[in-house]
Protein backbone atom coordinates (compact mmCIF):
# COMPACT_ATOMS: atom_id res chain seq x y z
CA UNK A 1 97.28 90.66 100.21
CA UNK A 2 97.59 87.15 101.63
CA UNK A 3 94.75 85.24 103.28
CA UNK A 4 96.39 85.74 106.69
CA UNK A 5 96.80 89.49 106.13
CA UNK A 6 93.18 89.78 105.00
CA UNK A 7 91.97 87.91 108.10
CA UNK A 8 94.14 90.11 110.36
CA UNK A 9 92.69 93.23 108.73
CA UNK A 10 89.12 91.99 109.23
CA UNK A 11 89.93 91.02 112.81
CA UNK A 12 91.35 94.45 113.63
CA UNK A 13 88.26 96.10 112.09
CA UNK A 14 86.01 93.92 114.25
CA UNK A 15 87.96 94.62 117.44
CA UNK A 16 88.06 98.36 116.72
CA UNK A 17 84.30 98.29 116.14
CA UNK A 18 83.81 96.49 119.46
CA UNK A 19 86.04 99.08 121.17
CA UNK A 20 83.89 101.95 119.89
CA UNK A 21 80.70 100.12 120.88
CA UNK A 22 82.00 99.75 124.44
CA UNK A 23 83.26 103.35 124.54
CA UNK A 24 79.99 104.81 123.25
CA UNK A 25 78.01 102.68 125.72
CA UNK A 26 80.10 103.27 128.86
CA UNK A 27 81.84 106.56 128.10
CA UNK A 28 84.98 107.80 129.87
CA UNK A 29 85.81 107.45 133.54
CA UNK A 30 85.73 103.77 134.51
CA UNK A 31 88.67 101.67 135.67
CA UNK A 32 90.51 99.54 133.14
CA UNK A 33 89.26 96.11 134.23
CA UNK A 34 85.63 97.16 133.61
CA UNK A 35 86.44 98.20 130.03
CA UNK A 36 88.31 94.92 129.49
CA UNK A 37 85.32 92.93 130.80
CA UNK A 38 82.89 94.86 128.58
CA UNK A 39 85.19 94.49 125.57
CA UNK A 40 85.44 90.75 126.19
CA UNK A 41 81.64 90.45 126.23
CA UNK A 42 81.33 92.46 123.03
CA UNK A 43 83.99 90.38 121.26
CA UNK A 44 82.41 87.10 122.38
CA UNK A 45 79.05 88.34 121.08
CA UNK A 46 80.76 88.97 117.73
CA UNK A 47 81.96 85.35 117.63
CA UNK A 48 85.60 85.84 118.64
CA UNK A 49 87.69 83.68 120.96
CA UNK A 50 89.11 85.81 123.76
CA UNK A 51 91.91 85.07 126.21
CA UNK A 52 92.21 87.48 129.15
CA UNK A 53 95.19 88.07 131.42
CA UNK A 54 97.28 85.77 129.24
CA UNK A 55 100.67 84.97 130.81
CA UNK A 56 103.48 84.93 128.24
CA UNK A 57 106.96 83.66 129.16
CA UNK A 58 109.97 85.78 128.23
CA UNK A 59 113.31 84.10 127.53
CA UNK A 60 116.90 85.27 127.38
CA UNK A 61 119.29 82.98 125.51
CA UNK A 62 116.88 80.12 125.93
CA UNK A 63 116.46 80.62 129.67
CA UNK A 64 113.20 81.88 131.20
CA UNK A 65 113.34 85.41 132.65
CA UNK A 66 109.77 85.76 133.80
CA UNK A 67 106.35 86.42 132.36
CA UNK A 68 104.37 89.31 130.95
CA UNK A 69 100.62 89.43 131.39
CA UNK A 70 98.61 90.56 128.36
CA UNK A 71 95.20 92.17 128.78
CA UNK A 72 93.74 90.18 125.92
CA UNK A 73 94.51 87.95 122.94
CA UNK A 74 91.75 87.70 120.33
CA UNK A 75 91.39 84.66 118.07
CA UNK A 76 94.92 83.59 119.07
CA UNK A 77 96.15 86.18 116.59
CA UNK A 78 95.79 89.74 117.91
CA UNK A 79 97.21 91.25 121.12
CA UNK A 80 94.96 93.88 122.72
CA UNK A 81 96.23 96.27 125.39
CA UNK A 82 93.67 98.49 127.14
CA UNK A 83 94.36 101.78 128.92
CA UNK A 84 91.84 103.98 130.74
CA UNK A 85 93.96 106.97 131.73
CA UNK A 86 93.35 110.63 131.05
CA UNK A 87 96.55 110.88 129.00
CA UNK A 88 98.07 107.92 127.20
CA UNK A 89 101.63 107.35 128.44
CA UNK A 90 104.29 106.94 125.73
CA UNK A 91 105.41 103.74 127.45
CA UNK A 92 102.09 102.08 126.54
CA UNK A 93 103.16 101.67 122.90
CA UNK A 94 106.52 100.23 123.91
CA UNK A 95 104.67 97.84 126.22
CA UNK A 96 102.52 96.60 123.33
CA UNK A 97 105.57 96.16 121.10
CA UNK A 98 107.26 94.08 123.83
CA UNK A 99 104.14 91.90 124.01
CA UNK A 100 104.28 91.35 120.26
CA UNK A 101 107.94 90.36 120.51
CA UNK A 102 107.26 87.93 123.36
CA UNK A 103 104.27 86.30 121.65
CA UNK A 104 105.63 86.34 118.09
CA UNK A 105 102.19 87.56 117.01
CA UNK A 106 102.20 90.07 114.18
CA UNK A 107 99.64 92.70 115.14
CA UNK A 108 98.48 94.43 118.30
CA UNK A 109 95.99 97.14 119.20
CA UNK A 110 96.36 99.68 121.98
CA UNK A 111 92.85 100.81 122.91
CA UNK A 112 92.67 104.01 124.96
CA UNK A 113 89.43 104.63 126.85
CA UNK A 114 90.40 108.26 127.56
CA UNK A 115 88.40 111.50 127.32
CA UNK A 116 88.46 110.83 123.57
CA UNK A 117 88.68 107.23 122.32
CA UNK A 118 91.98 106.42 120.59
CA UNK A 119 93.29 103.36 118.77
CA UNK A 120 96.94 102.63 118.00
CA UNK A 121 97.87 99.68 115.78
CA UNK A 122 101.33 98.13 116.10
CA UNK A 123 103.04 95.51 113.97
CA UNK A 124 105.92 93.28 114.98
CA UNK A 125 108.52 94.41 112.46
CA UNK A 126 111.92 95.82 113.10
CA UNK A 127 111.54 99.57 113.69
CA UNK A 128 107.87 99.63 112.68
CA UNK A 129 106.13 102.54 114.43
CA UNK A 130 102.68 102.25 115.91
CA UNK A 131 100.06 104.00 113.81
CA UNK A 132 96.70 105.53 114.56
CA UNK A 133 93.81 104.43 112.34
CA UNK A 134 91.61 107.35 111.38
CA UNK A 135 88.13 106.37 112.41
CA UNK A 136 84.55 107.43 111.94
CA UNK A 137 82.17 107.64 114.87
CA UNK A 138 81.52 103.87 114.89
CA UNK A 139 85.14 102.89 114.48
CA UNK A 140 85.49 102.02 110.80
CA UNK A 141 89.01 102.41 109.51
CA UNK A 142 89.61 104.84 106.63
CA UNK A 143 93.38 104.64 106.61
CA UNK A 144 96.47 104.88 108.70
CA UNK A 145 98.63 107.83 109.62
CA UNK A 146 101.75 108.02 111.72
CA UNK A 147 101.58 109.68 115.12
């Protein structure tokens, strides 16, 4: 495992831990922007750099098409997309993968503040599926399984 891969793994563990801390504190039922604000506070308290509502330009053949707005980028390395719906739409994973393509960042987390907390980890690789880390109550990762 390279230094960069090790840092990315530690970063995802920290963000997942912050997600569970926010979920266990607030519970289910709030609107998305409140979860994002709470998650930002938790990540800052853990020493991370957090960018919110980050505008990313999208290009086609070198020409700008428009922008996508990311919920959060942590430590300029990890894209975080937050959802607070009852059911997680399938399009949410595709959305995260498009963010990874636009940013050229390697890893993203889809954090679902639903009736049950859920985490999906995506990597920017050709045809790489998003995976769901199996987690304990406080959000520590035991392994990965495909959805």
